[in-house]
N, C-alpha and C. Protein backbone atom coordinates (compact mmCIF):
# COMPACT_ATOMS: atom_id res chain seq x y z
N SER A 1 -4.29 -4.18 -18.63
CA SER A 1 -3.22 -5.15 -18.39
C SER A 1 -1.85 -4.51 -18.51
N CYS A 2 -1.71 -3.60 -19.46
CA CYS A 2 -0.44 -2.89 -19.63
C CYS A 2 -0.11 -2.10 -18.37
N ARG A 3 -1.08 -1.41 -17.84
CA ARG A 3 -0.87 -0.62 -16.61
C ARG A 3 -0.52 -1.54 -15.45
N ASP A 4 -1.16 -2.69 -15.36
CA ASP A 4 -0.89 -3.65 -14.30
C ASP A 4 0.56 -4.12 -14.38
N VAL A 5 1.05 -4.38 -15.59
CA VAL A 5 2.44 -4.79 -15.77
C VAL A 5 3.39 -3.68 -15.33
N GLN A 6 3.07 -2.45 -15.68
CA GLN A 6 3.91 -1.32 -15.28
C GLN A 6 3.94 -1.15 -13.76
N ILE A 7 2.78 -1.31 -13.13
CA ILE A 7 2.71 -1.21 -11.67
C ILE A 7 3.48 -2.36 -11.03
N ALA A 8 3.36 -3.55 -11.62
CA ALA A 8 4.08 -4.71 -11.08
C ALA A 8 5.59 -4.48 -11.11
N PHE A 9 6.09 -3.84 -12.17
CA PHE A 9 7.51 -3.52 -12.22
C PHE A 9 7.89 -2.62 -11.05
N ALA A 10 7.11 -1.58 -10.81
CA ALA A 10 7.39 -0.67 -9.70
C ALA A 10 7.28 -1.38 -8.36
N ASN A 11 6.27 -2.22 -8.21
CA ASN A 11 6.10 -2.94 -6.94
C ASN A 11 7.25 -3.93 -6.71
N GLU A 12 7.66 -4.64 -7.75
CA GLU A 12 8.77 -5.57 -7.59
C GLU A 12 10.07 -4.80 -7.30
N LEU A 13 10.25 -3.68 -7.96
CA LEU A 13 11.42 -2.84 -7.72
C LEU A 13 11.46 -2.38 -6.25
N SER A 14 10.31 -2.04 -5.70
CA SER A 14 10.27 -1.61 -4.30
C SER A 14 10.67 -2.73 -3.35
N ILE A 15 10.30 -3.95 -3.67
CA ILE A 15 10.67 -5.11 -2.85
C ILE A 15 12.17 -5.35 -2.94
N ILE A 16 12.71 -5.27 -4.15
CA ILE A 16 14.15 -5.44 -4.34
C ILE A 16 14.91 -4.35 -3.59
N CYS A 17 14.48 -3.11 -3.76
CA CYS A 17 15.15 -1.99 -3.08
C CYS A 17 15.11 -2.13 -1.57
N ASP A 18 13.99 -2.60 -1.04
CA ASP A 18 13.89 -2.81 0.40
C ASP A 18 14.92 -3.83 0.86
N LYS A 19 15.05 -4.90 0.11
CA LYS A 19 16.02 -5.95 0.46
C LYS A 19 17.45 -5.43 0.41
N LEU A 20 17.73 -4.55 -0.54
CA LEU A 20 19.09 -4.03 -0.73
C LEU A 20 19.33 -2.71 0.00
N ASP A 21 18.35 -2.27 0.78
CA ASP A 21 18.42 -1.02 1.54
C ASP A 21 18.70 0.18 0.63
N ILE A 22 17.93 0.26 -0.45
CA ILE A 22 18.00 1.36 -1.41
C ILE A 22 16.68 2.11 -1.35
N ASP A 23 16.72 3.42 -1.40
CA ASP A 23 15.51 4.25 -1.40
C ASP A 23 14.85 4.15 -2.77
N VAL A 24 13.76 3.41 -2.86
CA VAL A 24 13.10 3.17 -4.15
C VAL A 24 12.59 4.47 -4.76
N TRP A 25 12.15 5.40 -3.93
CA TRP A 25 11.60 6.66 -4.43
C TRP A 25 12.69 7.48 -5.10
N GLU A 26 13.88 7.50 -4.50
CA GLU A 26 15.00 8.21 -5.10
C GLU A 26 15.45 7.51 -6.38
N LEU A 27 15.52 6.18 -6.34
CA LEU A 27 15.92 5.42 -7.51
C LEU A 27 14.99 5.71 -8.69
N ILE A 28 13.69 5.68 -8.45
CA ILE A 28 12.72 5.94 -9.52
C ILE A 28 12.84 7.38 -10.02
N SER A 29 13.02 8.31 -9.11
CA SER A 29 13.18 9.71 -9.50
C SER A 29 14.39 9.89 -10.42
N LEU A 30 15.48 9.25 -10.06
CA LEU A 30 16.69 9.35 -10.88
C LEU A 30 16.50 8.65 -12.22
N ALA A 31 15.92 7.46 -12.22
CA ALA A 31 15.70 6.73 -13.47
C ALA A 31 14.77 7.49 -14.40
N ASN A 32 13.77 8.15 -13.82
CA ASN A 32 12.79 8.87 -14.64
C ASN A 32 13.34 10.15 -15.26
N ARG A 33 14.57 10.50 -14.95
CA ARG A 33 15.21 11.64 -15.62
C ARG A 33 15.52 11.31 -17.09
N HIS A 34 15.64 10.03 -17.38
CA HIS A 34 15.90 9.61 -18.76
C HIS A 34 14.64 9.91 -19.58
N PRO A 35 14.80 10.46 -20.77
CA PRO A 35 13.62 10.89 -21.54
C PRO A 35 12.67 9.76 -21.97
N ARG A 36 13.15 8.54 -22.01
CA ARG A 36 12.27 7.44 -22.43
C ARG A 36 11.87 6.51 -21.29
N ILE A 37 12.12 6.93 -20.08
CA ILE A 37 11.79 6.11 -18.91
C ILE A 37 10.70 6.81 -18.11
N ASN A 38 9.69 6.04 -17.71
CA ASN A 38 8.63 6.56 -16.84
C ASN A 38 8.16 5.44 -15.92
N ILE A 39 8.98 5.16 -14.92
CA ILE A 39 8.61 4.13 -13.95
C ILE A 39 7.52 4.70 -13.05
N LEU A 40 6.47 3.93 -12.87
CA LEU A 40 5.37 4.35 -12.01
C LEU A 40 5.78 4.24 -10.55
N GLN A 41 4.93 4.72 -9.67
CA GLN A 41 5.19 4.66 -8.24
C GLN A 41 4.66 3.35 -7.66
N PRO A 42 5.44 2.69 -6.81
CA PRO A 42 4.94 1.47 -6.16
C PRO A 42 3.90 1.80 -5.11
N GLY A 43 3.24 0.79 -4.64
CA GLY A 43 2.24 0.96 -3.59
C GLY A 43 2.02 -0.35 -2.85
N PRO A 44 0.91 -0.44 -2.13
CA PRO A 44 0.63 -1.64 -1.34
C PRO A 44 -0.03 -2.77 -2.14
N GLY A 45 -0.22 -2.56 -3.42
CA GLY A 45 -0.90 -3.52 -4.29
C GLY A 45 -1.68 -2.75 -5.33
N VAL A 46 -2.60 -3.41 -5.98
CA VAL A 46 -3.42 -2.77 -7.01
C VAL A 46 -4.88 -3.04 -6.72
N GLY A 47 -5.69 -1.99 -6.80
CA GLY A 47 -7.12 -2.14 -6.55
C GLY A 47 -7.93 -1.55 -7.66
N GLY A 48 -9.21 -1.44 -7.40
CA GLY A 48 -10.12 -0.87 -8.37
C GLY A 48 -10.89 -1.93 -9.13
N HIS A 49 -11.86 -1.46 -9.87
CA HIS A 49 -12.76 -2.38 -10.56
C HIS A 49 -12.23 -2.87 -11.89
N CYS A 50 -11.11 -2.31 -12.39
CA CYS A 50 -10.62 -2.77 -13.69
C CYS A 50 -9.21 -3.34 -13.63
N ILE A 51 -8.22 -2.58 -13.20
CA ILE A 51 -6.84 -3.07 -13.26
C ILE A 51 -6.64 -4.34 -12.45
N ALA A 52 -7.26 -4.42 -11.29
CA ALA A 52 -7.08 -5.60 -10.44
C ALA A 52 -7.90 -6.80 -10.90
N VAL A 53 -8.80 -6.60 -11.85
CA VAL A 53 -9.72 -7.66 -12.25
C VAL A 53 -9.55 -8.06 -13.73
N ASP A 54 -9.55 -7.08 -14.61
CA ASP A 54 -9.60 -7.36 -16.05
C ASP A 54 -8.47 -8.23 -16.59
N PRO A 55 -7.22 -8.10 -16.12
CA PRO A 55 -6.18 -8.97 -16.65
C PRO A 55 -6.49 -10.46 -16.50
N TRP A 56 -7.24 -10.81 -15.45
CA TRP A 56 -7.59 -12.22 -15.25
C TRP A 56 -8.45 -12.76 -16.39
N PHE A 57 -9.22 -11.90 -17.05
CA PHE A 57 -10.02 -12.35 -18.19
C PHE A 57 -9.11 -12.77 -19.34
N ILE A 58 -8.06 -12.02 -19.59
CA ILE A 58 -7.10 -12.38 -20.64
C ILE A 58 -6.39 -13.68 -20.27
N ILE A 59 -5.95 -13.76 -19.04
CA ILE A 59 -5.24 -14.96 -18.57
C ILE A 59 -6.14 -16.19 -18.71
N ASP A 60 -7.41 -16.03 -18.37
CA ASP A 60 -8.36 -17.15 -18.48
C ASP A 60 -8.55 -17.61 -19.92
N ARG A 61 -8.60 -16.67 -20.86
CA ARG A 61 -8.84 -16.99 -22.26
C ARG A 61 -7.61 -17.55 -22.97
N ALA A 62 -6.42 -17.13 -22.54
CA ALA A 62 -5.19 -17.57 -23.22
C ALA A 62 -4.07 -17.75 -22.20
N PRO A 63 -4.20 -18.73 -21.31
CA PRO A 63 -3.23 -18.86 -20.22
C PRO A 63 -1.79 -19.11 -20.69
N ALA A 64 -1.61 -19.90 -21.71
CA ALA A 64 -0.24 -20.21 -22.17
C ALA A 64 0.43 -19.00 -22.81
N GLN A 65 -0.35 -18.08 -23.32
CA GLN A 65 0.20 -16.92 -24.01
C GLN A 65 0.30 -15.67 -23.13
N SER A 66 -0.20 -15.73 -21.94
CA SER A 66 -0.26 -14.52 -21.09
C SER A 66 0.63 -14.64 -19.85
N LYS A 67 1.83 -15.13 -20.05
CA LYS A 67 2.74 -15.36 -18.92
C LYS A 67 3.14 -14.06 -18.22
N LEU A 68 3.45 -13.02 -18.98
CA LEU A 68 3.84 -11.74 -18.38
C LEU A 68 2.67 -11.10 -17.64
N ILE A 69 1.51 -11.15 -18.23
CA ILE A 69 0.31 -10.58 -17.60
C ILE A 69 0.01 -11.32 -16.30
N LYS A 70 0.15 -12.64 -16.31
CA LYS A 70 -0.10 -13.42 -15.10
C LYS A 70 0.96 -13.12 -14.04
N ALA A 71 2.22 -13.02 -14.45
CA ALA A 71 3.28 -12.70 -13.49
C ALA A 71 3.03 -11.35 -12.83
N ALA A 72 2.59 -10.37 -13.64
CA ALA A 72 2.28 -9.05 -13.08
C ALA A 72 1.15 -9.14 -12.06
N ARG A 73 0.11 -9.90 -12.38
CA ARG A 73 -1.01 -10.05 -11.45
C ARG A 73 -0.53 -10.69 -10.16
N LEU A 74 0.31 -11.71 -10.26
CA LEU A 74 0.80 -12.40 -9.06
C LEU A 74 1.66 -11.47 -8.20
N ILE A 75 2.50 -10.66 -8.84
CA ILE A 75 3.32 -9.70 -8.09
C ILE A 75 2.41 -8.71 -7.37
N ASN A 76 1.48 -8.12 -8.10
CA ASN A 76 0.61 -7.11 -7.49
C ASN A 76 -0.32 -7.70 -6.44
N ASP A 77 -0.78 -8.93 -6.67
CA ASP A 77 -1.64 -9.58 -5.67
C ASP A 77 -0.86 -9.98 -4.41
N SER A 78 0.46 -10.15 -4.54
CA SER A 78 1.25 -10.55 -3.37
C SER A 78 1.73 -9.34 -2.55
N LYS A 79 1.64 -8.16 -3.09
CA LYS A 79 2.19 -6.98 -2.39
C LYS A 79 1.51 -6.72 -1.05
N PRO A 80 0.19 -6.87 -0.91
CA PRO A 80 -0.40 -6.67 0.42
C PRO A 80 0.20 -7.59 1.49
N GLY A 81 0.47 -8.84 1.15
CA GLY A 81 1.09 -9.76 2.10
C GLY A 81 2.48 -9.31 2.49
N TRP A 82 3.21 -8.75 1.53
CA TRP A 82 4.55 -8.21 1.81
C TRP A 82 4.45 -7.05 2.80
N VAL A 83 3.46 -6.18 2.60
CA VAL A 83 3.26 -5.05 3.51
C VAL A 83 2.93 -5.56 4.91
N VAL A 84 2.04 -6.53 5.00
CA VAL A 84 1.68 -7.11 6.30
C VAL A 84 2.92 -7.66 6.99
N ASP A 85 3.77 -8.37 6.25
CA ASP A 85 5.00 -8.91 6.84
C ASP A 85 5.89 -7.79 7.39
N LYS A 86 5.97 -6.66 6.66
CA LYS A 86 6.76 -5.52 7.14
C LYS A 86 6.19 -4.99 8.46
N VAL A 87 4.88 -4.87 8.53
CA VAL A 87 4.24 -4.37 9.75
C VAL A 87 4.46 -5.35 10.90
N LEU A 88 4.27 -6.63 10.65
CA LEU A 88 4.44 -7.63 11.70
C LEU A 88 5.86 -7.65 12.25
N SER A 89 6.84 -7.45 11.37
CA SER A 89 8.23 -7.44 11.86
C SER A 89 8.48 -6.24 12.76
N LYS A 90 7.89 -5.09 12.45
CA LYS A 90 8.03 -3.91 13.31
C LYS A 90 7.21 -4.07 14.59
N ALA A 91 6.04 -4.70 14.49
CA ALA A 91 5.17 -4.88 15.65
C ALA A 91 5.78 -5.80 16.69
N ALA A 92 6.68 -6.68 16.26
CA ALA A 92 7.32 -7.62 17.19
C ALA A 92 8.14 -6.90 18.26
N LYS A 93 8.46 -5.63 18.04
CA LYS A 93 9.24 -4.85 19.00
C LYS A 93 8.39 -4.32 20.15
N PHE A 94 7.08 -4.52 20.06
CA PHE A 94 6.15 -4.00 21.06
C PHE A 94 5.41 -5.15 21.73
N LYS A 95 4.82 -4.85 22.88
CA LYS A 95 3.97 -5.84 23.54
C LYS A 95 2.65 -5.97 22.78
N ARG A 96 1.98 -4.88 22.57
CA ARG A 96 0.73 -4.85 21.81
C ARG A 96 0.60 -3.45 21.20
N PRO A 97 1.20 -3.25 20.03
CA PRO A 97 1.22 -1.90 19.46
C PRO A 97 -0.13 -1.47 18.91
N VAL A 98 -0.29 -0.16 18.81
CA VAL A 98 -1.41 0.41 18.08
C VAL A 98 -0.90 0.67 16.67
N ILE A 99 -1.58 0.09 15.71
CA ILE A 99 -1.19 0.20 14.30
C ILE A 99 -2.25 1.03 13.59
N ALA A 100 -1.85 2.20 13.13
CA ALA A 100 -2.77 3.08 12.40
C ALA A 100 -2.60 2.83 10.91
N CYS A 101 -3.66 2.36 10.28
CA CYS A 101 -3.66 2.12 8.84
C CYS A 101 -4.33 3.33 8.18
N LEU A 102 -3.54 4.07 7.43
CA LEU A 102 -4.01 5.32 6.84
C LEU A 102 -4.42 5.10 5.39
N GLY A 103 -5.73 5.02 5.19
CA GLY A 103 -6.31 4.90 3.86
C GLY A 103 -6.74 3.48 3.53
N ILE A 104 -8.00 3.35 3.11
CA ILE A 104 -8.48 2.05 2.63
C ILE A 104 -9.13 2.14 1.25
N ALA A 105 -9.16 3.34 0.66
CA ALA A 105 -9.65 3.47 -0.73
C ALA A 105 -8.62 2.83 -1.65
N PHE A 106 -9.00 2.52 -2.87
CA PHE A 106 -8.03 1.87 -3.75
C PHE A 106 -7.07 2.85 -4.41
N LYS A 107 -7.36 4.15 -4.36
CA LYS A 107 -6.41 5.15 -4.82
C LYS A 107 -6.71 6.47 -4.12
N ALA A 108 -5.85 7.44 -4.34
CA ALA A 108 -5.90 8.70 -3.60
C ALA A 108 -7.15 9.52 -3.88
N ASP A 109 -7.63 10.14 -2.80
CA ASP A 109 -8.66 11.17 -2.83
C ASP A 109 -9.99 10.74 -3.44
N ILE A 110 -10.33 9.47 -3.25
CA ILE A 110 -11.63 8.95 -3.68
C ILE A 110 -12.24 8.15 -2.53
N ASP A 111 -13.52 7.81 -2.68
CA ASP A 111 -14.20 7.02 -1.65
C ASP A 111 -14.47 5.59 -2.12
N ASP A 112 -13.87 5.17 -3.20
CA ASP A 112 -14.10 3.86 -3.81
C ASP A 112 -13.18 2.83 -3.16
N LEU A 113 -13.76 1.80 -2.58
CA LEU A 113 -13.00 0.77 -1.87
C LEU A 113 -12.90 -0.54 -2.66
N ARG A 114 -13.42 -0.57 -3.88
CA ARG A 114 -13.46 -1.83 -4.63
C ARG A 114 -12.07 -2.41 -4.85
N GLU A 115 -11.93 -3.68 -4.48
CA GLU A 115 -10.69 -4.44 -4.66
C GLU A 115 -9.48 -3.77 -4.02
N SER A 116 -9.70 -2.98 -3.00
CA SER A 116 -8.60 -2.24 -2.38
C SER A 116 -7.62 -3.17 -1.66
N PRO A 117 -6.33 -3.09 -2.01
CA PRO A 117 -5.35 -3.90 -1.29
C PRO A 117 -5.23 -3.47 0.17
N SER A 118 -5.57 -2.23 0.46
CA SER A 118 -5.48 -1.74 1.84
C SER A 118 -6.45 -2.48 2.75
N ILE A 119 -7.62 -2.80 2.23
CA ILE A 119 -8.59 -3.55 3.05
C ILE A 119 -8.05 -4.94 3.36
N GLU A 120 -7.41 -5.55 2.38
CA GLU A 120 -6.79 -6.86 2.61
C GLU A 120 -5.72 -6.75 3.70
N ILE A 121 -4.93 -5.71 3.66
CA ILE A 121 -3.88 -5.50 4.65
C ILE A 121 -4.49 -5.32 6.04
N VAL A 122 -5.51 -4.47 6.15
CA VAL A 122 -6.17 -4.25 7.44
C VAL A 122 -6.75 -5.56 7.98
N ASN A 123 -7.44 -6.29 7.13
CA ASN A 123 -8.04 -7.57 7.56
C ASN A 123 -6.98 -8.54 8.05
N GLU A 124 -5.84 -8.64 7.35
CA GLU A 124 -4.78 -9.55 7.78
C GLU A 124 -4.15 -9.10 9.10
N LEU A 125 -3.99 -7.80 9.27
CA LEU A 125 -3.43 -7.31 10.53
C LEU A 125 -4.37 -7.58 11.70
N ILE A 126 -5.66 -7.37 11.48
CA ILE A 126 -6.65 -7.67 12.53
C ILE A 126 -6.63 -9.16 12.85
N ALA A 127 -6.60 -9.99 11.81
CA ALA A 127 -6.60 -11.45 12.02
C ALA A 127 -5.34 -11.92 12.74
N SER A 128 -4.23 -11.23 12.55
CA SER A 128 -2.97 -11.62 13.20
C SER A 128 -3.02 -11.37 14.71
N ASP A 129 -3.89 -10.46 15.14
CA ASP A 129 -4.04 -10.09 16.55
C ASP A 129 -2.71 -9.66 17.18
N VAL A 130 -1.87 -9.00 16.38
CA VAL A 130 -0.57 -8.56 16.86
C VAL A 130 -0.68 -7.27 17.67
N GLY A 131 -1.78 -6.56 17.49
CA GLY A 131 -1.97 -5.29 18.19
C GLY A 131 -3.35 -4.75 17.92
N ASP A 132 -3.55 -3.51 18.30
CA ASP A 132 -4.82 -2.84 18.04
C ASP A 132 -4.70 -2.06 16.73
N VAL A 133 -5.63 -2.32 15.82
CA VAL A 133 -5.58 -1.71 14.49
C VAL A 133 -6.61 -0.59 14.41
N LEU A 134 -6.14 0.61 14.08
CA LEU A 134 -7.02 1.74 13.82
C LEU A 134 -7.05 1.98 12.32
N VAL A 135 -8.22 2.32 11.81
CA VAL A 135 -8.38 2.59 10.38
C VAL A 135 -8.81 4.03 10.20
N CYS A 136 -8.10 4.75 9.34
CA CYS A 136 -8.43 6.13 9.02
C CYS A 136 -8.66 6.22 7.51
N GLU A 137 -9.86 6.62 7.13
CA GLU A 137 -10.19 6.84 5.72
C GLU A 137 -11.01 8.12 5.65
N PRO A 138 -10.37 9.24 5.31
CA PRO A 138 -11.06 10.53 5.34
C PRO A 138 -12.12 10.71 4.28
N ASN A 139 -12.21 9.82 3.30
CA ASN A 139 -13.17 10.01 2.21
C ASN A 139 -14.48 9.25 2.38
N ILE A 140 -14.63 8.57 3.52
CA ILE A 140 -15.91 7.92 3.83
C ILE A 140 -16.28 8.26 5.27
N SER A 141 -17.57 8.23 5.57
CA SER A 141 -18.01 8.58 6.92
C SER A 141 -18.19 7.36 7.82
N SER A 142 -18.35 6.18 7.21
CA SER A 142 -18.50 4.96 8.00
C SER A 142 -18.14 3.76 7.14
N HIS A 143 -17.92 2.64 7.82
CA HIS A 143 -17.61 1.38 7.14
C HIS A 143 -18.36 0.28 7.86
N ASN A 144 -18.82 -0.71 7.11
CA ASN A 144 -19.64 -1.77 7.72
C ASN A 144 -18.83 -2.73 8.60
N LYS A 145 -17.51 -2.73 8.49
CA LYS A 145 -16.70 -3.65 9.27
C LYS A 145 -15.74 -2.95 10.23
N PHE A 146 -15.19 -1.83 9.81
CA PHE A 146 -14.18 -1.13 10.62
C PHE A 146 -14.76 0.12 11.25
N ASP A 147 -14.41 0.35 12.52
CA ASP A 147 -14.67 1.65 13.13
C ASP A 147 -13.59 2.59 12.60
N LEU A 148 -14.00 3.74 12.14
CA LEU A 148 -13.05 4.68 11.57
C LEU A 148 -12.57 5.68 12.61
N ALA A 149 -11.29 5.95 12.57
CA ALA A 149 -10.68 6.97 13.43
C ALA A 149 -10.38 8.19 12.58
N THR A 150 -10.36 9.34 13.21
CA THR A 150 -9.91 10.54 12.49
C THR A 150 -8.39 10.43 12.33
N LEU A 151 -7.85 11.24 11.45
CA LEU A 151 -6.40 11.24 11.26
C LEU A 151 -5.69 11.62 12.56
N GLU A 152 -6.23 12.61 13.25
CA GLU A 152 -5.62 13.05 14.51
C GLU A 152 -5.62 11.93 15.54
N GLN A 153 -6.77 11.24 15.67
CA GLN A 153 -6.86 10.13 16.62
C GLN A 153 -5.87 9.02 16.26
N ALA A 154 -5.80 8.70 14.98
CA ALA A 154 -4.92 7.61 14.52
C ALA A 154 -3.46 7.93 14.79
N ILE A 155 -3.04 9.14 14.44
CA ILE A 155 -1.63 9.52 14.63
C ILE A 155 -1.29 9.62 16.11
N GLU A 156 -2.17 10.20 16.89
CA GLU A 156 -1.93 10.35 18.33
C GLU A 156 -1.73 9.00 19.01
N ALA A 157 -2.57 8.02 18.66
CA ALA A 157 -2.53 6.73 19.34
C ALA A 157 -1.49 5.77 18.78
N ALA A 158 -1.05 5.99 17.56
CA ALA A 158 -0.24 5.00 16.85
C ALA A 158 1.17 4.82 17.41
N ASP A 159 1.57 3.57 17.49
CA ASP A 159 2.98 3.22 17.64
C ASP A 159 3.57 3.03 16.24
N ILE A 160 2.75 2.47 15.35
CA ILE A 160 3.15 2.23 13.97
C ILE A 160 2.11 2.88 13.06
N ALA A 161 2.57 3.72 12.14
CA ALA A 161 1.69 4.34 11.16
C ALA A 161 1.99 3.72 9.80
N VAL A 162 0.96 3.16 9.19
CA VAL A 162 1.12 2.51 7.89
C VAL A 162 0.36 3.34 6.86
N ILE A 163 1.10 4.02 6.00
CA ILE A 163 0.47 4.86 4.98
C ILE A 163 0.20 3.98 3.76
N LEU A 164 -1.09 3.77 3.50
CA LEU A 164 -1.51 2.86 2.44
C LEU A 164 -2.04 3.57 1.20
N VAL A 165 -2.48 4.80 1.37
CA VAL A 165 -3.03 5.58 0.26
C VAL A 165 -2.46 6.99 0.37
N ASP A 166 -2.18 7.61 -0.76
CA ASP A 166 -1.60 8.96 -0.72
C ASP A 166 -2.67 10.04 -0.83
N HIS A 167 -3.63 9.99 0.09
CA HIS A 167 -4.65 11.03 0.17
C HIS A 167 -3.99 12.37 0.50
N LYS A 168 -4.60 13.45 0.07
CA LYS A 168 -4.04 14.79 0.31
C LYS A 168 -3.85 15.06 1.80
N GLU A 169 -4.76 14.55 2.63
CA GLU A 169 -4.63 14.74 4.08
C GLU A 169 -3.35 14.09 4.61
N PHE A 170 -2.98 12.97 4.05
CA PHE A 170 -1.79 12.26 4.51
C PHE A 170 -0.53 12.93 3.94
N LYS A 171 -0.63 13.45 2.74
CA LYS A 171 0.51 14.16 2.16
C LYS A 171 0.86 15.40 2.97
N ALA A 172 -0.13 15.95 3.66
CA ALA A 172 0.10 17.14 4.47
C ALA A 172 0.79 16.82 5.80
N LEU A 173 0.90 15.55 6.15
CA LEU A 173 1.58 15.17 7.39
C LEU A 173 3.06 15.52 7.28
N SER A 174 3.61 16.02 8.34
CA SER A 174 5.04 16.32 8.34
C SER A 174 5.79 15.15 8.97
N ALA A 175 7.02 15.00 8.54
CA ALA A 175 7.86 13.95 9.10
C ALA A 175 8.05 14.16 10.60
N THR A 176 8.07 15.43 11.04
CA THR A 176 8.26 15.69 12.47
C THR A 176 7.05 15.23 13.28
N LYS A 177 5.85 15.33 12.71
CA LYS A 177 4.65 14.87 13.42
C LYS A 177 4.69 13.35 13.64
N LEU A 178 5.42 12.67 12.76
CA LEU A 178 5.52 11.22 12.84
C LEU A 178 6.86 10.75 13.40
N SER A 179 7.67 11.67 13.89
CA SER A 179 9.05 11.36 14.26
C SER A 179 9.16 10.31 15.37
N GLU A 180 8.18 10.22 16.24
CA GLU A 180 8.25 9.24 17.32
C GLU A 180 7.50 7.96 16.99
N LYS A 181 7.05 7.84 15.76
CA LYS A 181 6.31 6.66 15.31
C LYS A 181 7.20 5.83 14.39
N ILE A 182 6.91 4.56 14.32
CA ILE A 182 7.47 3.75 13.24
C ILE A 182 6.56 3.97 12.05
N VAL A 183 7.12 4.40 10.93
CA VAL A 183 6.33 4.71 9.75
C VAL A 183 6.65 3.71 8.64
N ILE A 184 5.63 3.09 8.12
CA ILE A 184 5.76 2.25 6.93
C ILE A 184 4.97 2.97 5.85
N ASP A 185 5.70 3.61 4.97
CA ASP A 185 5.11 4.48 3.95
C ASP A 185 5.12 3.76 2.60
N THR A 186 4.00 3.14 2.26
CA THR A 186 3.94 2.39 1.01
C THR A 186 3.75 3.30 -0.21
N ARG A 187 3.56 4.59 0.01
CA ARG A 187 3.32 5.52 -1.09
C ARG A 187 4.42 6.56 -1.28
N GLY A 188 5.41 6.55 -0.40
CA GLY A 188 6.54 7.46 -0.53
C GLY A 188 6.21 8.93 -0.37
N ILE A 189 5.29 9.25 0.53
CA ILE A 189 4.86 10.64 0.68
C ILE A 189 5.52 11.36 1.85
N ILE A 190 6.11 10.62 2.78
CA ILE A 190 6.76 11.24 3.93
C ILE A 190 8.25 11.31 3.64
N GLN A 191 8.74 12.52 3.56
CA GLN A 191 10.17 12.70 3.23
C GLN A 191 10.93 13.20 4.42
């Protein structure tokens, strides 16, 4: 629950910075220079089998006393919808864009998809029917719902590239390779 609260602070900060046109990654880097500050990195939400689930047990047992824990859960649970809204606003500039969603694991360099906010984002984008959605997840060979594209296929075809997980393969992407794409980088890896 403590980690969830810390992530919620970073996620809320990213939303505020987006509204105020401030680079959240630079802001966090500068703030973290202080010896007693360690702001975590924001992302598209929170996944996994514990952080995204366990706080709800505390909230259920003591709802009146767990206001901060519940607020953190609500912030983190709402972040995928915020990401979808960002993609939809960019997609409106196209007739039918190809949207490459990079990463559906719940964190970097693993094959675990449990409670992944990226899957929620992909499902909402597909349901919106705003364009063609490609899914790239280099840590799995197949998925029961999504056809997987290679990174090369996804980048080549994409009008919009949505970086959802900071896998090492995605960190190796250069900004120049993505220069003609609209990039929504929820992990701050493209500089």
